[in-house]
């Protein structure tokens, strides 16, 4: 009964023929989420769009064969929608491989709304990592300083003289303080305590820390396994590095001019991400597809030209 009243209170404003965008997943009880989506779809002529933040099926798996695609709760929920706003093309093609054949539009990046102060970027041979899960171990042995913003770091991680723990800080304060170096987005050199397999999942998502670094105007470091590796390389907004222990050698040949070029390349991306470009673009593309029938923004099925 309580779930019924909540649905009525939240969804009572929807009228027949409306276009409704909902966050996926809702991170609530599975039954409530299923009923919530079914209630929306039950209203005459309503079209329902998912703005996908995460795919829980992939977050809690270690490989391709560890879930039942045909009967998976989350994948079957996504099949109810008229259109999906997904993280990126790589994630979209994986959804298609998993049997979700709903029209999809990519976000590419999450926006990070920020209009506060920023520091001028100086060439500094140092790395930053902003985390949200406890770091329990590391294989990082390079001499380049690595500064970690996180709520907890095990003592053995700090035994390396190169690693400094700065504690947990509000993200906007971090953005306002970063004055040089590189922001590490994804690395297997830091082992985090989690029941989720982010080493696997980070191939398909849009990390929020990537957007945070770019909003700060900081060049980034990503793994070659990630969707964003090709974008980072093509647009010269950072480095693609799989093992951070190689960073000393990479920095040994980098000049001030090389670094300044990266910072200059980041600037238009910083402006776009800080002002909501990517969500606006995705929503306009959604309207073009659903209201006007344009298909040029939709991700093609794998193998279809």
C-alpha atoms as a PDB file:
ATOM      1  CA  UNK A   1       0.000   0.000   0.000  1.00  0.00           C
ATOM      2  CA  UNK A   2       2.808   2.418   0.886  1.00  0.00           C
ATOM      3  CA  UNK A   3       4.505   1.749  -2.475  1.00  0.00           C
ATOM      4  CA  UNK A   4       1.185   2.447  -4.202  1.00  0.00           C
ATOM      5  CA  UNK A   5       0.809   5.821  -2.466  1.00  0.00           C
ATOM      6  CA  UNK A   6       4.389   6.822  -3.330  1.00  0.00           C
ATOM      7  CA  UNK A   7       3.854   5.959  -6.991  1.00  0.00           C
ATOM      8  CA  UNK A   8       0.611   7.935  -7.090  1.00  0.00           C
ATOM      9  CA  UNK A   9       2.244  10.955  -5.455  1.00  0.00           C
ATOM     10  CA  UNK A  10       5.256  10.983  -7.782  1.00  0.00           C
ATOM     11  CA  UNK A  11       3.595   9.933 -11.027  1.00  0.00           C
ATOM     12  CA  UNK A  12       0.238  11.671 -10.672  1.00  0.00           C
ATOM     13  CA  UNK A  13       1.403  14.615 -12.787  1.00  0.00           C
ATOM     14  CA  UNK A  14       2.028  12.466 -15.881  1.00  0.00           C
ATOM     15  CA  UNK A  15      -0.605  12.890 -18.573  1.00  0.00           C
ATOM     16  CA  UNK A  16      -1.470  10.613 -21.527  1.00  0.00           C
ATOM     17  CA  UNK A  17       0.995  11.148 -24.370  1.00  0.00           C
ATOM     18  CA  UNK A  18       3.769  12.592 -22.175  1.00  0.00           C
ATOM     19  CA  UNK A  19       7.454  11.872 -22.656  1.00  0.00           C
ATOM     20  CA  UNK A  20       9.031  10.783 -19.354  1.00  0.00           C
ATOM     21  CA  UNK A  21      12.771  10.570 -18.577  1.00  0.00           C
ATOM     22  CA  UNK A  22      13.736   8.530 -15.513  1.00  0.00           C
ATOM     23  CA  UNK A  23      17.061   7.717 -13.885  1.00  0.00           C
ATOM     24  CA  UNK A  24      18.212   4.122 -14.168  1.00  0.00           C
ATOM     25  CA  UNK A  25      18.714   2.389 -11.835  1.00  0.00           C
ATOM     26  CA  UNK A  26      16.583   3.986  -9.132  1.00  0.00           C
ATOM     27  CA  UNK A  27      18.626   2.270  -6.392  1.00  0.00           C
ATOM     28  CA  UNK A  28      15.515   1.309  -4.475  1.00  0.00           C
ATOM     29  CA  UNK A  29      13.740  -1.987  -3.838  1.00  0.00           C
ATOM     30  CA  UNK A  30      13.596  -4.008  -7.041  1.00  0.00           C
ATOM     31  CA  UNK A  31       9.841  -4.564  -6.761  1.00  0.00           C
ATOM     32  CA  UNK A  32       9.231  -0.841  -6.376  1.00  0.00           C
ATOM     33  CA  UNK A  33      11.388  -0.004  -9.389  1.00  0.00           C
ATOM     34  CA  UNK A  34       9.611  -2.568 -11.556  1.00  0.00           C
ATOM     35  CA  UNK A  35       6.182  -1.320 -10.457  1.00  0.00           C
ATOM     36  CA  UNK A  36       7.267   2.301 -10.954  1.00  0.00           C
ATOM     37  CA  UNK A  37       8.292   1.707 -14.562  1.00  0.00           C
ATOM     38  CA  UNK A  38       5.212  -0.433 -15.278  1.00  0.00           C
ATOM     39  CA  UNK A  39       2.948   2.304 -13.923  1.00  0.00           C
ATOM     40  CA  UNK A  40       4.508   4.862 -16.271  1.00  0.00           C
ATOM     41  CA  UNK A  41       4.213   2.541 -19.257  1.00  0.00           C
ATOM     42  CA  UNK A  42       0.601   1.835 -18.343  1.00  0.00           C
ATOM     43  CA  UNK A  43      -0.433   5.444 -18.975  1.00  0.00           C
ATOM     44  CA  UNK A  44      -1.894   5.810 -22.456  1.00  0.00           C
ATOM     45  CA  UNK A  45       0.536   6.985 -25.114  1.00  0.00           C
ATOM     46  CA  UNK A  46       3.388   7.665 -22.676  1.00  0.00           C
ATOM     47  CA  UNK A  47       6.937   7.135 -23.922  1.00  0.00           C
ATOM     48  CA  UNK A  48       9.578   6.323 -21.320  1.00  0.00           C
ATOM     49  CA  UNK A  49      13.298   7.103 -21.607  1.00  0.00           C
ATOM     50  CA  UNK A  50      16.032   5.836 -19.276  1.00  0.00           C
ATOM     51  CA  UNK A  51      18.973   8.063 -18.388  1.00  0.00           C
ATOM     52  CA  UNK A  52      21.398   5.300 -17.423  1.00  0.00           C
ATOM     53  CA  UNK A  53      23.894   5.973 -14.659  1.00  0.00           C
ATOM     54  CA  UNK A  54      24.941   2.368 -14.107  1.00  0.00           C
ATOM     55  CA  UNK A  55      24.238  -1.205 -15.201  1.00  0.00           C
ATOM     56  CA  UNK A  56      24.213  -3.217 -11.930  1.00  0.00           C
ATOM     57  CA  UNK A  57      24.495  -6.527 -13.805  1.00  0.00           C
ATOM     58  CA  UNK A  58      27.973  -5.590 -15.021  1.00  0.00           C
ATOM     59  CA  UNK A  59      29.056  -3.950 -11.768  1.00  0.00           C
ATOM     60  CA  UNK A  60      28.694  -7.166  -9.783  1.00  0.00           C
ATOM     61  CA  UNK A  61      30.250  -9.578 -12.270  1.00  0.00           C
ATOM     62  CA  UNK A  62      33.801 -10.613 -13.086  1.00  0.00           C
ATOM     63  CA  UNK A  63      33.303 -11.629 -16.689  1.00  0.00           C
ATOM     64  CA  UNK A  64      31.048 -12.255 -19.624  1.00  0.00           C
ATOM     65  CA  UNK A  65      29.623 -15.615 -18.575  1.00  0.00           C
ATOM     66  CA  UNK A  66      28.572 -14.934 -14.996  1.00  0.00           C
ATOM     67  CA  UNK A  67      24.981 -13.834 -15.537  1.00  0.00           C
ATOM     68  CA  UNK A  68      21.915 -15.149 -17.306  1.00  0.00           C
ATOM     69  CA  UNK A  69      21.263 -12.598 -20.031  1.00  0.00           C
ATOM     70  CA  UNK A  70      17.805 -13.871 -20.892  1.00  0.00           C
ATOM     71  CA  UNK A  71      16.517 -13.753 -17.303  1.00  0.00           C
ATOM     72  CA  UNK A  72      18.566 -10.936 -15.788  1.00  0.00           C
ATOM     73  CA  UNK A  73      16.360  -8.458 -13.890  1.00  0.00           C
ATOM     74  CA  UNK A  74      18.211  -5.293 -14.914  1.00  0.00           C
ATOM     75  CA  UNK A  75      18.536  -6.150 -18.594  1.00  0.00           C
ATOM     76  CA  UNK A  76      14.855  -7.049 -18.799  1.00  0.00           C
ATOM     77  CA  UNK A  77      13.944  -3.761 -17.115  1.00  0.00           C
ATOM     78  CA  UNK A  78      15.828  -1.858 -19.817  1.00  0.00           C
ATOM     79  CA  UNK A  79      13.822  -3.619 -22.533  1.00  0.00           C
ATOM     80  CA  UNK A  80      10.691  -1.794 -21.279  1.00  0.00           C
ATOM     81  CA  UNK A  81      11.931   1.618 -22.427  1.00  0.00           C
ATOM     82  CA  UNK A  82      11.309   3.429 -25.698  1.00  0.00           C
ATOM     83  CA  UNK A  83      14.844   4.858 -25.743  1.00  0.00           C
ATOM     84  CA  UNK A  84      17.995   4.616 -23.629  1.00  0.00           C
ATOM     85  CA  UNK A  85      20.497   7.396 -22.972  1.00  0.00           C
ATOM     86  CA  UNK A  86      23.582   5.268 -22.382  1.00  0.00           C
ATOM     87  CA  UNK A  87      27.107   6.070 -21.222  1.00  0.00           C
ATOM     88  CA  UNK A  88      28.873   5.521 -24.533  1.00  0.00           C
ATOM     89  CA  UNK A  89      29.055   3.385 -27.663  1.00  0.00           C
ATOM     90  CA  UNK A  90      31.074   0.618 -26.029  1.00  0.00           C
ATOM     91  CA  UNK A  91      28.467   0.186 -23.307  1.00  0.00           C
ATOM     92  CA  UNK A  92      25.688   0.349 -25.907  1.00  0.00           C
ATOM     93  CA  UNK A  93      27.196  -2.456 -27.978  1.00  0.00           C
ATOM     94  CA  UNK A  94      27.555  -4.576 -24.866  1.00  0.00           C
ATOM     95  CA  UNK A  95      23.873  -4.023 -24.098  1.00  0.00           C
ATOM     96  CA  UNK A  96      23.054  -5.131 -27.629  1.00  0.00           C
ATOM     97  CA  UNK A  97      25.203  -8.242 -27.126  1.00  0.00           C
ATOM     98  CA  UNK A  98      23.198  -8.867 -23.950  1.00  0.00           C
ATOM     99  CA  UNK A  99      19.925  -8.797 -25.894  1.00  0.00           C
ATOM    100  CA  UNK A 100      18.786  -5.209 -25.255  1.00  0.00           C
ATOM    101  CA  UNK A 101      17.714  -3.867 -28.645  1.00  0.00           C
ATOM    102  CA  UNK A 102      16.164  -0.521 -27.702  1.00  0.00           C
ATOM    103  CA  UNK A 103      17.166   2.689 -29.563  1.00  0.00           C
ATOM    104  CA  UNK A 104      20.175   4.233 -27.778  1.00  0.00           C
ATOM    105  CA  UNK A 105      21.828   7.643 -27.648  1.00  0.00           C
ATOM    106  CA  UNK A 106      25.304   8.063 -26.054  1.00  0.00           C
ATOM    107  CA  UNK A 107      26.181  10.619 -23.364  1.00  0.00           C
ATOM    108  CA  UNK A 108      29.975  10.286 -24.001  1.00  0.00           C
ATOM    109  CA  UNK A 109      30.805  12.135 -20.755  1.00  0.00           C
ATOM    110  CA  UNK A 110      28.963  13.044 -17.594  1.00  0.00           C
ATOM    111  CA  UNK A 111      28.738  16.752 -17.008  1.00  0.00           C
ATOM    112  CA  UNK A 112      30.240  18.243 -13.872  1.00  0.00           C
ATOM    113  CA  UNK A 113      28.567  21.575 -13.198  1.00  0.00           C
ATOM    114  CA  UNK A 114      31.158  23.931 -11.763  1.00  0.00           C
ATOM    115  CA  UNK A 115      31.567  27.710 -11.890  1.00  0.00           C
ATOM    116  CA  UNK A 116      33.954  28.187  -8.974  1.00  0.00           C
ATOM    117  CA  UNK A 117      37.609  29.251  -8.878  1.00  0.00           C
ATOM    118  CA  UNK A 118      40.323  27.324 -10.719  1.00  0.00           C
ATOM    119  CA  UNK A 119      44.094  27.412 -10.522  1.00  0.00           C
ATOM    120  CA  UNK A 120      46.388  28.016 -13.474  1.00  0.00           C
ATOM    121  CA  UNK A 121      47.939  24.689 -14.427  1.00  0.00           C
ATOM    122  CA  UNK A 122      51.697  24.323 -14.044  1.00  0.00           C
ATOM    123  CA  UNK A 123      53.795  21.463 -15.371  1.00  0.00           C
ATOM    124  CA  UNK A 124      54.247  19.235 -12.342  1.00  0.00           C
ATOM    125  CA  UNK A 125      55.383  15.634 -12.453  1.00  0.00           C
ATOM    126  CA  UNK A 126      52.706  14.390 -10.102  1.00  0.00           C
ATOM    127  CA  UNK A 127      49.479  12.386 -10.130  1.00  0.00           C
ATOM    128  CA  UNK A 128      46.136  12.756  -8.374  1.00  0.00           C
ATOM    129  CA  UNK A 129      43.586  10.042  -7.688  1.00  0.00           C
ATOM    130  CA  UNK A 130      40.145  10.830  -6.276  1.00  0.00           C
ATOM    131  CA  UNK A 131      38.409   7.724  -4.946  1.00  0.00           C
ATOM    132  CA  UNK A 132      35.215   6.820  -3.149  1.00  0.00           C
ATOM    133  CA  UNK A 133      36.145   3.353  -1.900  1.00  0.00           C
ATOM    134  CA  UNK A 134      38.784   2.299   0.636  1.00  0.00           C
ATOM    135  CA  UNK A 135      42.176   1.632  -0.954  1.00  0.00           C
ATOM    136  CA  UNK A 136      43.559  -1.538   0.577  1.00  0.00           C
ATOM    137  CA  UNK A 137      46.693  -2.205  -1.483  1.00  0.00           C
ATOM    138  CA  UNK A 138      48.818  -0.932  -4.343  1.00  0.00           C
ATOM    139  CA  UNK A 139      51.327  -2.125  -6.910  1.00  0.00           C
ATOM    140  CA  UNK A 140      52.522   1.439  -7.544  1.00  0.00           C
ATOM    141  CA  UNK A 141      56.302   1.666  -7.077  1.00  0.00           C
ATOM    142  CA  UNK A 142      57.260   4.641  -9.262  1.00  0.00           C
ATOM    143  CA  UNK A 143      59.050   7.729  -7.918  1.00  0.00           C
ATOM    144  CA  UNK A 144      56.455  10.187  -9.267  1.00  0.00           C
ATOM    145  CA  UNK A 145      54.337  11.548  -6.379  1.00  0.00           C
ATOM    146  CA  UNK A 146      50.803  10.132  -6.246  1.00  0.00           C
ATOM    147  CA  UNK A 147      48.320  12.119  -4.154  1.00  0.00           C
ATOM    148  CA  UNK A 148      45.170  10.295  -3.093  1.00  0.00           C
ATOM    149  CA  UNK A 149      41.893  11.916  -2.044  1.00  0.00           C
ATOM    150  CA  UNK A 150      39.888   9.173  -0.332  1.00  0.00           C
ATOM    151  CA  UNK A 151      38.119   8.427   2.943  1.00  0.00           C
ATOM    152  CA  UNK A 152      40.508   5.617   3.919  1.00  0.00           C
ATOM    153  CA  UNK A 153      43.837   4.279   2.720  1.00  0.00           C
ATOM    154  CA  UNK A 154      45.489   1.269   4.345  1.00  0.00           C
ATOM    155  CA  UNK A 155      48.827   1.922   6.012  1.00  0.00           C
ATOM    156  CA  UNK A 156      50.708  -0.443   3.697  1.00  0.00           C
ATOM    157  CA  UNK A 157      49.646   1.681   0.709  1.00  0.00           C
ATOM    158  CA  UNK A 158      51.432   4.630   2.270  1.00  0.00           C
ATOM    159  CA  UNK A 159      54.653   2.719   2.892  1.00  0.00           C
ATOM    160  CA  UNK A 160      55.761   3.850  -0.539  1.00  0.00           C
ATOM    161  CA  UNK A 161      57.389   7.234  -0.189  1.00  0.00           C
ATOM    162  CA  UNK A 162      55.671   8.292  -3.412  1.00  0.00           C
ATOM    163  CA  UNK A 163      52.105   8.000  -2.098  1.00  0.00           C
ATOM    164  CA  UNK A 164      50.484  10.761  -0.041  1.00  0.00           C
ATOM    165  CA  UNK A 165      47.000  10.492   1.437  1.00  0.00           C
ATOM    166  CA  UNK A 166      45.090  13.793   1.504  1.00  0.00           C
ATOM    167  CA  UNK A 167      41.897  12.459   3.092  1.00  0.00           C
ATOM    168  CA  UNK A 168      38.386  12.912   1.813  1.00  0.00           C
ATOM    169  CA  UNK A 169      37.506  16.408   0.585  1.00  0.00           C
ATOM    170  CA  UNK A 170      34.430  17.919  -1.094  1.00  0.00           C
ATOM    171  CA  UNK A 171      34.840  17.463  -4.836  1.00  0.00           C
ATOM    172  CA  UNK A 172      34.378  21.169  -5.614  1.00  0.00           C
ATOM    173  CA  UNK A 173      37.213  22.016  -3.224  1.00  0.00           C
ATOM    174  CA  UNK A 174      39.454  19.530  -5.004  1.00  0.00           C
ATOM    175  CA  UNK A 175      38.561  21.100  -8.366  1.00  0.00           C
ATOM    176  CA  UNK A 176      39.434  24.547  -7.025  1.00  0.00           C
ATOM    177  CA  UNK A 177      42.845  23.414  -5.710  1.00  0.00           C
ATOM    178  CA  UNK A 178      44.292  21.320  -8.536  1.00  0.00           C
ATOM    179  CA  UNK A 179      47.089  23.381 -10.052  1.00  0.00           C
ATOM    180  CA  UNK A 180      49.021  20.926 -12.192  1.00  0.00           C
ATOM    181  CA  UNK A 181      49.903  17.317 -12.858  1.00  0.00           C
ATOM    182  CA  UNK A 182      47.482  14.659 -14.091  1.00  0.00           C
ATOM    183  CA  UNK A 183      44.232  13.180 -12.831  1.00  0.00           C
ATOM    184  CA  UNK A 184      44.212   9.372 -12.768  1.00  0.00           C
ATOM    185  CA  UNK A 185      40.799   8.093 -13.830  1.00  0.00           C
ATOM    186  CA  UNK A 186      41.190   4.327 -13.955  1.00  0.00           C
ATOM    187  CA  UNK A 187      44.139   2.241 -12.786  1.00  0.00           C
ATOM    188  CA  UNK A 188      44.681  -1.338 -11.717  1.00  0.00           C
ATOM    189  CA  UNK A 189      47.654  -0.218  -9.601  1.00  0.00           C
ATOM    190  CA  UNK A 190      45.305   0.810  -6.774  1.00  0.00           C
ATOM    191  CA  UNK A 191      43.288  -2.021  -5.250  1.00  0.00           C
ATOM    192  CA  UNK A 192      40.008  -0.851  -3.745  1.00  0.00           C
ATOM    193  CA  UNK A 193      37.779  -2.619  -1.236  1.00  0.00           C
ATOM    194  CA  UNK A 194      34.451  -3.227  -2.927  1.00  0.00           C
ATOM    195  CA  UNK A 195      31.961  -5.979  -3.696  1.00  0.00           C
ATOM    196  CA  UNK A 196      31.779  -4.503  -7.203  1.00  0.00           C
ATOM    197  CA  UNK A 197      34.255  -5.353  -9.955  1.00  0.00           C
ATOM    198  CA  UNK A 198      35.196  -1.901 -11.192  1.00  0.00           C
ATOM    199  CA  UNK A 199      38.272  -3.184 -13.029  1.00  0.00           C
ATOM    200  CA  UNK A 200      35.828  -4.924 -15.374  1.00  0.00           C
ATOM    201  CA  UNK A 201      33.004  -2.380 -15.232  1.00  0.00           C
ATOM    202  CA  UNK A 202      35.157   0.669 -15.998  1.00  0.00           C
ATOM    203  CA  UNK A 203      35.447  -0.536 -19.599  1.00  0.00           C
ATOM    204  CA  UNK A 204      31.837   0.477 -20.192  1.00  0.00           C
ATOM    205  CA  UNK A 205      30.904   3.396 -17.932  1.00  0.00           C
ATOM    206  CA  UNK A 206      31.546   7.152 -17.825  1.00  0.00           C
ATOM    207  CA  UNK A 207      33.604   7.710 -14.645  1.00  0.00           C
ATOM    208  CA  UNK A 208      32.520  10.805 -12.747  1.00  0.00           C
ATOM    209  CA  UNK A 209      36.120  11.504 -11.747  1.00  0.00           C
ATOM    210  CA  UNK A 210      37.004  11.862 -15.435  1.00  0.00           C
ATOM    211  CA  UNK A 211      34.512  14.712 -15.711  1.00  0.00           C
ATOM    212  CA  UNK A 212      35.691  16.216 -12.433  1.00  0.00           C
ATOM    213  CA  UNK A 213      39.321  16.374 -13.593  1.00  0.00           C
ATOM    214  CA  UNK A 214      38.339  17.881 -16.940  1.00  0.00           C
ATOM    215  CA  UNK A 215      36.113  20.446 -15.199  1.00  0.00           C
ATOM    216  CA  UNK A 216      39.200  21.419 -13.212  1.00  0.00           C
ATOM    217  CA  UNK A 217      41.173  21.810 -16.462  1.00  0.00           C
ATOM    218  CA  UNK A 218      43.499  18.921 -15.602  1.00  0.00           C
ATOM    219  CA  UNK A 219      44.853  16.480 -18.213  1.00  0.00           C
ATOM    220  CA  UNK A 220      43.837  12.897 -17.437  1.00  0.00           C
ATOM    221  CA  UNK A 221      45.280   9.391 -17.414  1.00  0.00           C
ATOM    222  CA  UNK A 222      43.072   6.504 -18.535  1.00  0.00           C
ATOM    223  CA  UNK A 223      43.511   2.793 -19.189  1.00  0.00           C
ATOM    224  CA  UNK A 224      43.533   1.470 -22.753  1.00  0.00           C
ATOM    225  CA  UNK A 225      40.601  -0.812 -21.878  1.00  0.00           C
ATOM    226  CA  UNK A 226      38.246   2.113 -21.341  1.00  0.00           C
ATOM    227  CA  UNK A 227      35.940   3.647 -23.914  1.00  0.00           C
ATOM    228  CA  UNK A 228      37.532   7.066 -23.366  1.00  0.00           C
ATOM    229  CA  UNK A 229      41.087   5.957 -24.231  1.00  0.00           C
ATOM    230  CA  UNK A 230      40.605   6.665 -27.938  1.00  0.00           C
ATOM    231  CA  UNK A 231      39.033  10.070 -27.218  1.00  0.00           C
ATOM    232  CA  UNK A 232      41.810  11.065 -24.821  1.00  0.00           C
ATOM    233  CA  UNK A 233      44.430  10.115 -27.391  1.00  0.00           C
ATOM    234  CA  UNK A 234      42.656  11.604 -30.412  1.00  0.00           C
ATOM    235  CA  UNK A 235      41.946  14.961 -28.765  1.00  0.00           C
ATOM    236  CA  UNK A 236      45.215  15.201 -26.831  1.00  0.00           C
ATOM    237  CA  UNK A 237      43.605  15.753 -23.425  1.00  0.00           C
ATOM    238  CA  UNK A 238      45.770  13.331 -21.480  1.00  0.00           C
ATOM    239  CA  UNK A 239      47.669  10.036 -21.544  1.00  0.00           C
ATOM    240  CA  UNK A 240      46.710   6.391 -22.028  1.00  0.00           C
ATOM    241  CA  UNK A 241      48.692   4.395 -19.451  1.00  0.00           C
ATOM    242  CA  UNK A 242      47.906   0.863 -18.285  1.00  0.00           C
ATOM    243  CA  UNK A 243      50.647   0.574 -15.667  1.00  0.00           C
ATOM    244  CA  UNK A 244      51.354   3.682 -13.608  1.00  0.00           C
ATOM    245  CA  UNK A 245      54.830   2.317 -12.875  1.00  0.00           C
ATOM    246  CA  UNK A 246      55.734   3.506 -16.393  1.00  0.00           C
ATOM    247  CA  UNK A 247      55.004   7.122 -15.512  1.00  0.00           C
ATOM    248  CA  UNK A 248      58.589   8.034 -14.525  1.00  0.00           C
ATOM    249  CA  UNK A 249      59.803   7.138 -18.000  1.00  0.00           C
ATOM    250  CA  UNK A 250      56.889   8.947 -19.670  1.00  0.00           C
ATOM    251  CA  UNK A 251      57.541  12.108 -17.682  1.00  0.00           C
ATOM    252  CA  UNK A 252      61.302  11.974 -18.367  1.00  0.00           C
ATOM    253  CA  UNK A 253      60.698  12.994 -21.984  1.00  0.00           C
ATOM    254  CA  UNK A 254      57.783  15.393 -21.395  1.00  0.00           C
ATOM    255  CA  UNK A 255      58.457  19.122 -21.680  1.00  0.00           C
ATOM    256  CA  UNK A 256      56.684  22.177 -20.314  1.00  0.00           C
ATOM    257  CA  UNK A 257      55.449  22.840 -23.845  1.00  0.00           C
ATOM    258  CA  UNK A 258      54.084  19.297 -24.137  1.00  0.00           C
ATOM    259  CA  UNK A 259      52.146  19.731 -20.917  1.00  0.00           C
ATOM    260  CA  UNK A 260      50.843  23.165 -21.869  1.00  0.00           C
ATOM    261  CA  UNK A 261      49.530  21.743 -25.129  1.00  0.00           C
ATOM    262  CA  UNK A 262      47.540  19.147 -23.165  1.00  0.00           C
ATOM    263  CA  UNK A 263      46.139  21.877 -20.896  1.00  0.00           C
ATOM    264  CA  UNK A 264      45.154  23.968 -23.922  1.00  0.00           C
ATOM    265  CA  UNK A 265      43.440  20.945 -25.473  1.00  0.00           C
ATOM    266  CA  UNK A 266      41.483  20.319 -22.261  1.00  0.00           C
ATOM    267  CA  UNK A 267      40.075  23.856 -22.143  1.00  0.00           C
ATOM    268  CA  UNK A 268      37.091  23.447 -24.540  1.00  0.00           C
ATOM    269  CA  UNK A 269      36.180  20.145 -22.866  1.00  0.00           C
ATOM    270  CA  UNK A 270      36.371  21.878 -19.494  1.00  0.00           C
ATOM    271  CA  UNK A 271      33.959  24.540 -20.724  1.00  0.00           C
ATOM    272  CA  UNK A 272      31.528  21.989 -22.170  1.00  0.00           C
ATOM    273  CA  UNK A 273      31.475  19.687 -19.143  1.00  0.00           C
ATOM    274  CA  UNK A 274      31.193  22.557 -16.650  1.00  0.00           C
ATOM    275  CA  UNK A 275      28.133  23.992 -18.405  1.00  0.00           C
ATOM    276  CA  UNK A 276      26.043  20.882 -19.016  1.00  0.00           C
ATOM    277  CA  UNK A 277      26.763  20.437 -22.708  1.00  0.00           C
ATOM    278  CA  UNK A 278      26.564  16.653 -22.758  1.00  0.00           C
ATOM    279  CA  UNK A 279      23.206  16.214 -21.040  1.00  0.00           C
ATOM    280  CA  UNK A 280      21.698  18.997 -23.152  1.00  0.00           C
ATOM    281  CA  UNK A 281      23.035  17.392 -26.305  1.00  0.00           C
ATOM    282  CA  UNK A 282      21.668  13.973 -25.297  1.00  0.00           C
ATOM    283  CA  UNK A 283      18.216  15.363 -24.487  1.00  0.00           C
ATOM    284  CA  UNK A 284      18.022  17.264 -27.782  1.00  0.00           C
ATOM    285  CA  UNK A 285      19.075  14.104 -29.612  1.00  0.00           C
ATOM    286  CA  UNK A 286      16.362  12.206 -27.743  1.00  0.00           C
ATOM    287  CA  UNK A 287      13.723  14.724 -28.874  1.00  0.00           C
ATOM    288  CA  UNK A 288      14.973  14.611 -32.464  1.00  0.00           C
ATOM    289  CA  UNK A 289      14.646  10.826 -32.443  1.00  0.00           C
ATOM    290  CA  UNK A 290      11.319  10.427 -30.657  1.00  0.00           C
ATOM    291  CA  UNK A 291       9.467  13.534 -31.831  1.00  0.00           C
ATOM    292  CA  UNK A 292      10.876  14.035 -35.342  1.00  0.00           C
ATOM    293  CA  UNK A 293      12.022  10.562 -36.310  1.00  0.00           C
ATOM    294  CA  UNK A 294      15.687  11.366 -36.914  1.00  0.00           C
ATOM    295  CA  UNK A 295      17.964   8.349 -36.536  1.00  0.00           C
ATOM    296  CA  UNK A 296      21.400   9.897 -37.091  1.00  0.00           C
ATOM    297  CA  UNK A 297      22.063  10.263 -33.348  1.00  0.00           C
ATOM    298  CA  UNK A 298      21.146   6.656 -32.589  1.00  0.00           C
ATOM    299  CA  UNK A 299      23.839   4.036 -32.044  1.00  0.00           C
ATOM    300  CA  UNK A 300      23.798   1.475 -34.831  1.00  0.00           C
ATOM    301  CA  UNK A 301      23.592  -2.213 -34.077  1.00  0.00           C
ATOM    302  CA  UNK A 302      26.995  -3.934 -34.184  1.00  0.00           C
ATOM    303  CA  UNK A 303      27.877  -4.966 -37.691  1.00  0.00           C
ATOM    304  CA  UNK A 304      25.277  -2.662 -39.275  1.00  0.00           C
ATOM    305  CA  UNK A 305      26.605   0.139 -41.470  1.00  0.00           C
END
